[in-house]
PDB file of N, CA and C in Angstrom:
ATOM      1  N   UNK A   1     121.857 270.361 144.868  1.00  0.00           N
ATOM      2  CA  UNK A   1     122.059 270.331 143.449  1.00  0.00           C
ATOM      3  C   UNK A   1     120.971 269.495 142.766  1.00  0.00           C
ATOM      4  N   UNK A   2     120.597 268.399 143.399  1.00  0.00           N
ATOM      5  CA  UNK A   2     119.586 267.546 142.783  1.00  0.00           C
ATOM      6  C   UNK A   2     118.233 268.255 142.710  1.00  0.00           C
ATOM      7  N   UNK A   3     117.955 269.108 143.692  1.00  0.00           N
ATOM      8  CA  UNK A   3     116.687 269.830 143.681  1.00  0.00           C
ATOM      9  C   UNK A   3     116.672 270.879 142.577  1.00  0.00           C
ATOM     10  N   UNK A   4     117.801 271.540 142.400  1.00  0.00           N
ATOM     11  CA  UNK A   4     117.916 272.520 141.328  1.00  0.00           C
ATOM     12  C   UNK A   4     117.818 271.831 139.970  1.00  0.00           C
ATOM     13  N   UNK A   5     118.465 270.686 139.837  1.00  0.00           N
ATOM     14  CA  UNK A   5     118.395 269.941 138.575  1.00  0.00           C
ATOM     15  C   UNK A   5     116.956 269.524 138.272  1.00  0.00           C
ATOM     16  N   UNK A   6     116.248 269.064 139.289  1.00  0.00           N
ATOM     17  CA  UNK A   6     114.847 268.672 139.097  1.00  0.00           C
ATOM     18  C   UNK A   6     114.006 269.887 138.714  1.00  0.00           C
ATOM     19  N   UNK A   7     114.253 271.016 139.376  1.00  0.00           N
ATOM     20  CA  UNK A   7     113.517 272.251 139.070  1.00  0.00           C
ATOM     21  C   UNK A   7     113.748 272.640 137.611  1.00  0.00           C
ATOM     22  N   UNK A   8     115.022 272.605 137.183  1.00  0.00           N
ATOM     23  CA  UNK A   8     115.346 272.976 135.800  1.00  0.00           C
ATOM     24  C   UNK A   8     114.742 272.004 134.791  1.00  0.00           C
ATOM     25  N   UNK A   9     114.757 270.713 135.110  1.00  0.00           N
ATOM     26  CA  UNK A   9     114.134 269.739 134.213  1.00  0.00           C
ATOM     27  C   UNK A   9     112.637 270.012 134.056  1.00  0.00           C
ATOM     28  N   UNK A  10     111.990 270.315 135.154  1.00  0.00           N
ATOM     29  CA  UNK A  10     110.565 270.627 135.083  1.00  0.00           C
ATOM     30  C   UNK A  10     110.320 271.912 134.291  1.00  0.00           C
ATOM     31  N   UNK A  11     111.188 272.908 134.488  1.00  0.00           N
ATOM     32  CA  UNK A  11     111.043 274.169 133.754  1.00  0.00           C
ATOM     33  C   UNK A  11     111.253 273.958 132.263  1.00  0.00           C
ATOM     34  N   UNK A  12     112.245 273.165 131.910  1.00  0.00           N
ATOM     35  CA  UNK A  12     112.494 272.869 130.489  1.00  0.00           C
ATOM     36  C   UNK A  12     111.326 272.094 129.891  1.00  0.00           C
ATOM     37  N   UNK A  13     110.694 271.266 130.719  1.00  0.00           N
ATOM     38  CA  UNK A  13     109.559 270.473 130.276  1.00  0.00           C
ATOM     39  C   UNK A  13     108.276 271.271 130.099  1.00  0.00           C
ATOM     40  N   UNK A  14     108.310 272.564 130.458  1.00  0.00           N
ATOM     41  CA  UNK A  14     107.138 273.392 130.231  1.00  0.00           C
ATOM     42  C   UNK A  14     106.455 273.890 131.488  1.00  0.00           C
ATOM     43  N   UNK A  15     106.842 273.410 132.648  1.00  0.00           N
ATOM     44  CA  UNK A  15     106.264 273.855 133.904  1.00  0.00           C
ATOM     45  C   UNK A  15     107.027 275.107 134.340  1.00  0.00           C
ATOM     46  N   UNK A  16     106.448 276.289 134.110  1.00  0.00           N
ATOM     47  CA  UNK A  16     107.173 277.540 134.348  1.00  0.00           C
ATOM     48  C   UNK A  16     107.422 277.845 135.821  1.00  0.00           C
ATOM     49  N   UNK A  17     106.628 277.296 136.714  1.00  0.00           N
ATOM     50  CA  UNK A  17     106.878 277.484 138.142  1.00  0.00           C
ATOM     51  C   UNK A  17     106.591 276.167 138.876  1.00  0.00           C
ATOM     52  N   UNK A  18     107.571 275.271 138.880  1.00  0.00           N
ATOM     53  CA  UNK A  18     107.384 273.977 139.547  1.00  0.00           C
ATOM     54  C   UNK A  18     107.134 274.136 141.043  1.00  0.00           C
ATOM     55  N   UNK A  19     106.255 273.315 141.561  1.00  0.00           N
ATOM     56  CA  UNK A  19     105.951 273.337 142.993  1.00  0.00           C
ATOM     57  C   UNK A  19     106.801 272.295 143.714  1.00  0.00           C
ATOM     58  N   UNK A  20     106.750 272.331 145.029  1.00  0.00           N
ATOM     59  CA  UNK A  20     107.470 271.347 145.832  1.00  0.00           C
ATOM     60  C   UNK A  20     106.966 269.938 145.520  1.00  0.00           C
ATOM     61  N   UNK A  21     105.667 269.825 145.303  1.00  0.00           N
ATOM     62  CA  UNK A  21     105.079 268.523 144.984  1.00  0.00           C
ATOM     63  C   UNK A  21     105.617 268.012 143.640  1.00  0.00           C
ATOM     64  N   UNK A  22     105.764 268.912 142.666  1.00  0.00           N
ATOM     65  CA  UNK A  22     106.297 268.523 141.360  1.00  0.00           C
ATOM     66  C   UNK A  22     107.730 268.008 141.492  1.00  0.00           C
ATOM     67  N   UNK A  23     108.544 268.718 142.256  1.00  0.00           N
ATOM     68  CA  UNK A  23     109.945 268.326 142.424  1.00  0.00           C
ATOM     69  C   UNK A  23     110.042 267.000 143.170  1.00  0.00           C
ATOM     70  N   UNK A  24     109.259 266.854 144.231  1.00  0.00           N
ATOM     71  CA  UNK A  24     109.248 265.608 145.001  1.00  0.00           C
ATOM     72  C   UNK A  24     108.814 264.440 144.126  1.00  0.00           C
ATOM     73  N   UNK A  25     107.817 264.658 143.317  1.00  0.00           N
ATOM     74  CA  UNK A  25     107.311 263.615 142.432  1.00  0.00           C
ATOM     75  C   UNK A  25     108.370 263.200 141.417  1.00  0.00           C
ATOM     76  N   UNK A  26     109.040 264.174 140.831  1.00  0.00           N
ATOM     77  CA  UNK A  26     110.073 263.877 139.842  1.00  0.00           C
ATOM     78  C   UNK A  26     111.215 263.091 140.472  1.00  0.00           C
ATOM     79  N   UNK A  27     111.680 263.525 141.628  1.00  0.00           N
ATOM     80  CA  UNK A  27     112.784 262.832 142.287  1.00  0.00           C
ATOM     81  C   UNK A  27     112.401 261.432 142.737  1.00  0.00           C
ATOM     82  N   UNK A  28     111.162 261.248 143.137  1.00  0.00           N
ATOM     83  CA  UNK A  28     110.727 259.919 143.584  1.00  0.00           C
ATOM     84  C   UNK A  28     110.687 258.918 142.435  1.00  0.00           C
ATOM     85  N   UNK A  29     110.551 259.397 141.208  1.00  0.00           N
ATOM     86  CA  UNK A  29     110.539 258.478 140.061  1.00  0.00           C
ATOM     87  C   UNK A  29     111.876 257.778 139.867  1.00  0.00           C
ATOM     88  N   UNK A  30     112.955 258.384 140.414  1.00  0.00           N
ATOM     89  CA  UNK A  30     114.274 257.747 140.322  1.00  0.00           C
ATOM     90  C   UNK A  30     114.749 257.273 141.693  1.00  0.00           C
ATOM     91  N   UNK A  31     113.834 257.201 142.655  1.00  0.00           N
ATOM     92  CA  UNK A  31     114.130 256.631 143.957  1.00  0.00           C
ATOM     93  C   UNK A  31     114.845 257.543 144.926  1.00  0.00           C
ATOM     94  N   UNK A  32     114.697 258.845 144.767  1.00  0.00           N
ATOM     95  CA  UNK A  32     115.354 259.787 145.666  1.00  0.00           C
ATOM     96  C   UNK A  32     114.337 260.346 146.646  1.00  0.00           C
ATOM     97  N   UNK A  33     114.684 260.263 147.931  1.00  0.00           N
ATOM     98  CA  UNK A  33     113.836 260.861 148.962  1.00  0.00           C
ATOM     99  C   UNK A  33     114.152 262.348 149.038  1.00  0.00           C
ATOM    100  N   UNK A  34     113.136 263.158 149.217  1.00  0.00           N
ATOM    101  CA  UNK A  34     113.295 264.608 149.205  1.00  0.00           C
ATOM    102  C   UNK A  34     113.269 265.186 150.606  1.00  0.00           C
ATOM    103  N   UNK A  35     113.982 266.305 150.762  1.00  0.00           N
ATOM    104  CA  UNK A  35     113.952 267.067 152.008  1.00  0.00           C
ATOM    105  C   UNK A  35     113.124 268.317 151.744  1.00  0.00           C
ATOM    106  N   UNK A  36     111.969 268.396 152.365  1.00  0.00           N
ATOM    107  CA  UNK A  36     111.039 269.483 152.071  1.00  0.00           C
ATOM    108  C   UNK A  36     111.615 270.859 152.403  1.00  0.00           C
ATOM    109  N   UNK A  37     112.480 270.944 153.424  1.00  0.00           N
ATOM    110  CA  UNK A  37     113.060 272.242 153.780  1.00  0.00           C
ATOM    111  C   UNK A  37     113.920 272.788 152.641  1.00  0.00           C
ATOM    112  N   UNK A  38     114.712 271.923 152.041  1.00  0.00           N
ATOM    113  CA  UNK A  38     115.584 272.347 150.946  1.00  0.00           C
ATOM    114  C   UNK A  38     114.777 272.730 149.707  1.00  0.00           C
ATOM    115  N   UNK A  39     113.738 271.961 149.435  1.00  0.00           N
ATOM    116  CA  UNK A  39     112.898 272.268 148.276  1.00  0.00           C
ATOM    117  C   UNK A  39     112.190 273.601 148.487  1.00  0.00           C
ATOM    118  N   UNK A  40     111.660 273.806 149.691  1.00  0.00           N
ATOM    119  CA  UNK A  40     110.981 275.069 149.991  1.00  0.00           C
ATOM    120  C   UNK A  40     111.932 276.253 149.867  1.00  0.00           C
ATOM    121  N   UNK A  41     113.167 276.073 150.325  1.00  0.00           N
ATOM    122  CA  UNK A  41     114.178 277.131 150.216  1.00  0.00           C
ATOM    123  C   UNK A  41     114.479 277.450 148.753  1.00  0.00           C
ATOM    124  N   UNK A  42     114.634 276.413 147.946  1.00  0.00           N
ATOM    125  CA  UNK A  42     114.911 276.601 146.519  1.00  0.00           C
ATOM    126  C   UNK A  42     113.769 277.337 145.836  1.00  0.00           C
ATOM    127  N   UNK A  43     112.560 276.906 146.108  1.00  0.00           N
ATOM    128  CA  UNK A  43     111.390 277.522 145.471  1.00  0.00           C
ATOM    129  C   UNK A  43     111.254 278.984 145.902  1.00  0.00           C
ATOM    130  N   UNK A  44     111.504 279.270 147.169  1.00  0.00           N
ATOM    131  CA  UNK A  44     111.394 280.661 147.628  1.00  0.00           C
ATOM    132  C   UNK A  44     112.460 281.546 146.983  1.00  0.00           C
ATOM    133  N   UNK A  45     113.638 280.997 146.731  1.00  0.00           N
ATOM    134  CA  UNK A  45     114.706 281.770 146.099  1.00  0.00           C
ATOM    135  C   UNK A  45     114.452 281.987 144.612  1.00  0.00           C
ATOM    136  N   UNK A  46     113.766 281.057 143.976  1.00  0.00           N
ATOM    137  CA  UNK A  46     113.542 281.156 142.532  1.00  0.00           C
ATOM    138  C   UNK A  46     112.166 281.695 142.152  1.00  0.00           C
ATOM    139  N   UNK A  47     111.293 281.867 143.119  1.00  0.00           N
ATOM    140  CA  UNK A  47     109.932 282.309 142.794  1.00  0.00           C
ATOM    141  C   UNK A  47     109.953 283.714 142.183  1.00  0.00           C
ATOM    142  N   UNK A  48     109.214 283.866 141.110  1.00  0.00           N
ATOM    143  CA  UNK A  48     109.101 285.150 140.429  1.00  0.00           C
ATOM    144  C   UNK A  48     110.280 285.501 139.539  1.00  0.00           C
ATOM    145  N   UNK A  49     111.211 284.593 139.380  1.00  0.00           N
ATOM    146  CA  UNK A  49     112.392 284.870 138.553  1.00  0.00           C
ATOM    147  C   UNK A  49     112.351 284.007 137.295  1.00  0.00           C
ATOM    148  N   UNK A  50     112.865 284.573 136.210  1.00  0.00           N
ATOM    149  CA  UNK A  50     112.929 283.854 134.945  1.00  0.00           C
ATOM    150  C   UNK A  50     114.200 283.003 134.918  1.00  0.00           C
ATOM    151  N   UNK A  51     114.037 281.707 134.710  1.00  0.00           N
ATOM    152  CA  UNK A  51     115.167 280.771 134.712  1.00  0.00           C
ATOM    153  C   UNK A  51     116.205 281.154 133.662  1.00  0.00           C
ATOM    154  N   UNK A  52     115.754 281.526 132.476  1.00  0.00           N
ATOM    155  CA  UNK A  52     116.695 281.878 131.406  1.00  0.00           C
ATOM    156  C   UNK A  52     117.549 283.087 131.785  1.00  0.00           C
ATOM    157  N   UNK A  53     116.954 284.065 132.452  1.00  0.00           N
ATOM    158  CA  UNK A  53     117.719 285.232 132.901  1.00  0.00           C
ATOM    159  C   UNK A  53     118.731 284.838 133.979  1.00  0.00           C
ATOM    160  N   UNK A  54     118.325 283.959 134.891  1.00  0.00           N
ATOM    161  CA  UNK A  54     119.237 283.506 135.937  1.00  0.00           C
ATOM    162  C   UNK A  54     120.420 282.741 135.358  1.00  0.00           C
ATOM    163  N   UNK A  55     120.151 281.913 134.362  1.00  0.00           N
ATOM    164  CA  UNK A  55     121.227 281.150 133.713  1.00  0.00           C
ATOM    165  C   UNK A  55     122.173 282.101 132.991  1.00  0.00           C
ATOM    166  N   UNK A  56     121.630 283.090 132.288  1.00  0.00           N
ATOM    167  CA  UNK A  56     122.469 284.064 131.579  1.00  0.00           C
ATOM    168  C   UNK A  56     123.320 284.863 132.564  1.00  0.00           C
ATOM    169  N   UNK A  57     122.740 285.258 133.672  1.00  0.00           N
ATOM    170  CA  UNK A  57     123.477 286.003 134.701  1.00  0.00           C
ATOM    171  C   UNK A  57     124.592 285.141 135.290  1.00  0.00           C
ATOM    172  N   UNK A  58     124.288 283.898 135.574  1.00  0.00           N
ATOM    173  CA  UNK A  58     125.297 282.987 136.118  1.00  0.00           C
ATOM    174  C   UNK A  58     126.412 282.707 135.136  1.00  0.00           C
ATOM    175  N   UNK A  59     126.055 282.607 133.867  1.00  0.00           N
ATOM    176  CA  UNK A  59     127.067 282.366 132.833  1.00  0.00           C
ATOM    177  C   UNK A  59     128.018 283.545 132.737  1.00  0.00           C
ATOM    178  N   UNK A  60     127.491 284.762 132.815  1.00  0.00           N
ATOM    179  CA  UNK A  60     128.363 285.936 132.749  1.00  0.00           C
ATOM    180  C   UNK A  60     129.281 286.001 133.961  1.00  0.00           C
ATOM    181  N   UNK A  61     128.796 285.599 135.124  1.00  0.00           N
ATOM    182  CA  UNK A  61     129.643 285.565 136.318  1.00  0.00           C
ATOM    183  C   UNK A  61     130.708 284.477 136.190  1.00  0.00           C
ATOM    184  N   UNK A  62     130.334 283.360 135.615  1.00  0.00           N
ATOM    185  CA  UNK A  62     131.261 282.250 135.449  1.00  0.00           C
ATOM    186  C   UNK A  62     132.370 282.593 134.465  1.00  0.00           C
ATOM    187  N   UNK A  63     132.073 283.463 133.511  1.00  0.00           N
ATOM    188  CA  UNK A  63     133.075 283.856 132.517  1.00  0.00           C
ATOM    189  C   UNK A  63     134.235 284.606 133.157  1.00  0.00           C
ATOM    190  N   UNK A  64     134.005 285.227 134.300  1.00  0.00           N
ATOM    191  CA  UNK A  64     135.072 285.976 134.957  1.00  0.00           C
ATOM    192  C   UNK A  64     135.977 285.096 135.814  1.00  0.00           C
ATOM    193  N   UNK A  65     135.625 283.839 135.998  1.00  0.00           N
ATOM    194  CA  UNK A  65     136.434 282.925 136.794  1.00  0.00           C
ATOM    195  C   UNK A  65     137.611 282.452 135.949  1.00  0.00           C
ATOM    196  N   UNK A  66     138.834 282.601 136.451  1.00  0.00           N
ATOM    197  CA  UNK A  66     139.983 282.165 135.662  1.00  0.00           C
ATOM    198  C   UNK A  66     140.025 280.648 135.535  1.00  0.00           C
ATOM    199  N   UNK A  67     140.292 280.199 134.351  1.00  0.00           N
ATOM    200  CA  UNK A  67     140.444 278.767 134.084  1.00  0.00           C
ATOM    201  C   UNK A  67     141.834 278.583 133.499  1.00  0.00           C
ATOM    202  N   UNK A  68     142.820 278.577 134.357  1.00  0.00           N
ATOM    203  CA  UNK A  68     144.223 278.591 133.942  1.00  0.00           C
ATOM    204  C   UNK A  68     144.655 277.307 133.277  1.00  0.00           C
ATOM    205  N   UNK A  69     145.638 277.455 132.448  1.00  0.00           N
ATOM    206  CA  UNK A  69     146.263 276.315 131.801  1.00  0.00           C
ATOM    207  C   UNK A  69     147.757 276.435 131.990  1.00  0.00           C
ATOM    208  N   UNK A  70     148.441 275.343 131.874  1.00  0.00           N
ATOM    209  CA  UNK A  70     149.888 275.361 132.045  1.00  0.00           C
ATOM    210  C   UNK A  70     150.547 275.887 130.781  1.00  0.00           C
ATOM    211  N   UNK A  71     151.645 276.574 130.965  1.00  0.00           N
ATOM    212  CA  UNK A  71     152.412 277.064 129.819  1.00  0.00           C
ATOM    213  C   UNK A  71     153.107 275.889 129.155  1.00  0.00           C
ATOM    214  N   UNK A  72     153.254 275.951 127.854  1.00  0.00           N
ATOM    215  CA  UNK A  72     153.900 274.875 127.109  1.00  0.00           C
ATOM    216  C   UNK A  72     155.391 274.850 127.422  1.00  0.00           C
ATOM    217  N   UNK A  73     155.928 273.659 127.644  1.00  0.00           N
ATOM    218  CA  UNK A  73     157.354 273.508 127.918  1.00  0.00           C
ATOM    219  C   UNK A  73     158.135 273.582 126.616  1.00  0.00           C
ATOM    220  N   UNK A  74     159.309 274.217 126.632  1.00  0.00           N
ATOM    221  CA  UNK A  74     160.118 274.286 125.414  1.00  0.00           C
ATOM    222  C   UNK A  74     160.516 272.881 124.970  1.00  0.00           C
ATOM    223  N   UNK A  75     160.256 272.568 123.739  1.00  0.00           N
ATOM    224  CA  UNK A  75     160.483 271.219 123.227  1.00  0.00           C
ATOM    225  C   UNK A  75     161.953 270.862 123.160  1.00  0.00           C
ATOM    226  N   UNK A  76     162.796 271.739 122.680  1.00  0.00           N
ATOM    227  CA  UNK A  76     164.202 271.410 122.482  1.00  0.00           C
ATOM    228  C   UNK A  76     164.973 271.411 123.801  1.00  0.00           C
ATOM    229  N   UNK A  77     164.754 272.387 124.641  1.00  0.00           N
ATOM    230  CA  UNK A  77     165.574 272.542 125.846  1.00  0.00           C
ATOM    231  C   UNK A  77     165.216 271.538 126.934  1.00  0.00           C
ATOM    232  N   UNK A  78     163.949 271.356 127.201  1.00  0.00           N
ATOM    233  CA  UNK A  78     163.587 270.520 128.341  1.00  0.00           C
ATOM    234  C   UNK A  78     162.660 269.383 128.000  1.00  0.00           C
ATOM    235  N   UNK A  79     162.731 268.845 126.831  1.00  0.00           N
ATOM    236  CA  UNK A  79     161.828 267.786 126.403  1.00  0.00           C
ATOM    237  C   UNK A  79     161.876 266.570 127.300  1.00  0.00           C
ATOM    238  N   UNK A  80     163.087 266.096 127.626  1.00  0.00           N
ATOM    239  CA  UNK A  80     163.240 264.901 128.456  1.00  0.00           C
ATOM    240  C   UNK A  80     162.792 265.183 129.884  1.00  0.00           C
ATOM    241  N   UNK A  81     163.150 266.356 130.387  1.00  0.00           N
ATOM    242  CA  UNK A  81     162.762 266.712 131.759  1.00  0.00           C
ATOM    243  C   UNK A  81     161.249 266.839 131.864  1.00  0.00           C
ATOM    244  N   UNK A  82     160.650 267.412 130.846  1.00  0.00           N
ATOM    245  CA  UNK A  82     159.196 267.570 130.845  1.00  0.00           C
ATOM    246  C   UNK A  82     158.504 266.214 130.801  1.00  0.00           C
ATOM    247  N   UNK A  83     159.056 265.294 130.021  1.00  0.00           N
ATOM    248  CA  UNK A  83     158.468 263.954 129.922  1.00  0.00           C
ATOM    249  C   UNK A  83     158.557 263.230 131.260  1.00  0.00           C
ATOM    250  N   UNK A  84     159.697 263.365 131.947  1.00  0.00           N
ATOM    251  CA  UNK A  84     159.850 262.734 133.254  1.00  0.00           C
ATOM    252  C   UNK A  84     158.882 263.341 134.265  1.00  0.00           C
ATOM    253  N   UNK A  85     158.733 264.651 134.218  1.00  0.00           N
ATOM    254  CA  UNK A  85     157.821 265.329 135.124  1.00  0.00           C
ATOM    255  C   UNK A  85     156.378 264.901 134.862  1.00  0.00           C
ATOM    256  N   UNK A  86     156.034 264.729 133.577  1.00  0.00           N
ATOM    257  CA  UNK A  86     154.687 264.292 133.200  1.00  0.00           C
ATOM    258  C   UNK A  86     154.385 262.919 133.777  1.00  0.00           C
ATOM    259  N   UNK A  87     155.358 262.007 133.690  1.00  0.00           N
ATOM    260  CA  UNK A  87     155.154 260.654 134.215  1.00  0.00           C
ATOM    261  C   UNK A  87     154.906 260.690 135.714  1.00  0.00           C
ATOM    262  N   UNK A  88     155.650 261.551 136.424  1.00  0.00           N
ATOM    263  CA  UNK A  88     155.451 261.672 137.867  1.00  0.00           C
ATOM    264  C   UNK A  88     154.051 262.180 138.172  1.00  0.00           C
ATOM    265  N   UNK A  89     153.609 263.183 137.420  1.00  0.00           N
ATOM    266  CA  UNK A  89     152.281 263.742 137.640  1.00  0.00           C
ATOM    267  C   UNK A  89     151.197 262.718 137.340  1.00  0.00           C
ATOM    268  N   UNK A  90     151.387 261.921 136.270  1.00  0.00           N
ATOM    269  CA  UNK A  90     150.392 260.912 135.922  1.00  0.00           C
ATOM    270  C   UNK A  90     150.254 259.894 137.039  1.00  0.00           C
ATOM    271  N   UNK A  91     151.394 259.476 137.612  1.00  0.00           N
ATOM    272  CA  UNK A  91     151.342 258.496 138.696  1.00  0.00           C
ATOM    273  C   UNK A  91     150.616 259.072 139.904  1.00  0.00           C
ATOM    274  N   UNK A  92     150.886 260.355 140.217  1.00  0.00           N
ATOM    275  CA  UNK A  92     150.206 260.996 141.340  1.00  0.00           C
ATOM    276  C   UNK A  92     148.709 261.088 141.093  1.00  0.00           C
ATOM    277  N   UNK A  93     148.333 261.440 139.859  1.00  0.00           N
ATOM    278  CA  UNK A  93     146.915 261.569 139.521  1.00  0.00           C
ATOM    279  C   UNK A  93     146.213 260.230 139.604  1.00  0.00           C
ATOM    280  N   UNK A  94     146.881 259.161 139.114  1.00  0.00           N
ATOM    281  CA  UNK A  94     146.272 257.838 139.162  1.00  0.00           C
ATOM    282  C   UNK A  94     146.020 257.425 140.601  1.00  0.00           C
ATOM    283  N   UNK A  95     146.999 257.660 141.467  1.00  0.00           N
ATOM    284  CA  UNK A  95     146.832 257.296 142.869  1.00  0.00           C
ATOM    285  C   UNK A  95     145.715 258.110 143.493  1.00  0.00           C
ATOM    286  N   UNK A  96     145.642 259.377 143.163  1.00  0.00           N
ATOM    287  CA  UNK A  96     144.606 260.241 143.716  1.00  0.00           C
ATOM    288  C   UNK A  96     143.229 259.823 143.218  1.00  0.00           C
ATOM    289  N   UNK A  97     143.116 259.483 141.929  1.00  0.00           N
ATOM    290  CA  UNK A  97     141.828 259.080 141.367  1.00  0.00           C
ATOM    291  C   UNK A  97     141.310 257.821 142.029  1.00  0.00           C
ATOM    292  N   UNK A  98     142.222 256.886 142.333  1.00  0.00           N
ATOM    293  CA  UNK A  98     141.785 255.650 142.952  1.00  0.00           C
ATOM    294  C   UNK A  98     141.227 255.884 144.349  1.00  0.00           C
ATOM    295  N   UNK A  99     141.833 256.806 145.092  1.00  0.00           N
ATOM    296  CA  UNK A  99     141.379 257.033 146.449  1.00  0.00           C
ATOM    297  C   UNK A  99     140.177 257.963 146.533  1.00  0.00           C
ATOM    298  N   UNK A 100     139.979 258.813 145.542  1.00  0.00           N
ATOM    299  CA  UNK A 100     138.893 259.793 145.567  1.00  0.00           C
ATOM    300  C   UNK A 100     137.860 259.512 144.485  1.00  0.00           C
ATOM    301  N   UNK A 101     137.492 258.266 144.287  1.00  0.00           N
ATOM    302  CA  UNK A 101     136.603 257.922 143.196  1.00  0.00           C
ATOM    303  C   UNK A 101     135.409 258.848 143.092  1.00  0.00           C
ATOM    304  N   UNK A 102     134.596 258.921 144.141  1.00  0.00           N
ATOM    305  CA  UNK A 102     133.440 259.820 144.075  1.00  0.00           C
ATOM    306  C   UNK A 102     133.392 260.771 145.264  1.00  0.00           C
ATOM    307  N   UNK A 103     134.387 260.727 146.103  1.00  0.00           N
ATOM    308  CA  UNK A 103     134.529 261.612 147.259  1.00  0.00           C
ATOM    309  C   UNK A 103     133.266 261.636 148.124  1.00  0.00           C
ATOM    310  N   UNK A 104     132.507 260.558 148.088  1.00  0.00           N
ATOM    311  CA  UNK A 104     131.317 260.483 148.927  1.00  0.00           C
ATOM    312  C   UNK A 104     130.112 261.179 148.337  1.00  0.00           C
ATOM    313  N   UNK A 105     130.248 261.691 147.129  1.00  0.00           N
ATOM    314  CA  UNK A 105     129.130 262.386 146.482  1.00  0.00           C
ATOM    315  C   UNK A 105     128.631 261.563 145.318  1.00  0.00           C
ATOM    316  N   UNK A 106     127.355 261.563 145.120  1.00  0.00           N
ATOM    317  CA  UNK A 106     126.757 260.932 143.959  1.00  0.00           C
ATOM    318  C   UNK A 106     125.870 261.934 143.258  1.00  0.00           C
ATOM    319  N   UNK A 107     125.623 261.708 142.018  1.00  0.00           N
ATOM    320  CA  UNK A 107     124.823 262.635 141.250  1.00  0.00           C
ATOM    321  C   UNK A 107     123.432 262.794 141.823  1.00  0.00           C
ATOM    322  N   UNK A 108     122.846 261.712 142.321  1.00  0.00           N
ATOM    323  CA  UNK A 108     121.478 261.781 142.819  1.00  0.00           C
ATOM    324  C   UNK A 108     121.375 261.409 144.292  1.00  0.00           C
ATOM    325  N   UNK A 109     122.413 261.696 145.061  1.00  0.00           N
ATOM    326  CA  UNK A 109     122.371 261.391 146.504  1.00  0.00           C
ATOM    327  C   UNK A 109     121.707 262.510 147.248  1.00  0.00           C
TER     328      UNK A 109
END
């Protein structure tokens, strides 16, 4: 992900086809060591393709992914039950958030 982000930053900055050296240089400015195999793979997959077209294609694919929401609970019939259930869920979420702070992933790792 960090290599793709660096590639996109360079493309937005005006470099229409960033090289491995460009990506390595950009990442090193923030103290990230690069893996040349991953950078080479990324560049080979993106070579000759327009970034804007790829983003538009990905956005259209992402639009088909369901992003479900919970149905609203009836206010009069189950208001108290819903409130109790909400408190239970909040406690579970708080406990989960504390244990899974970053799940071992960092933005620039």
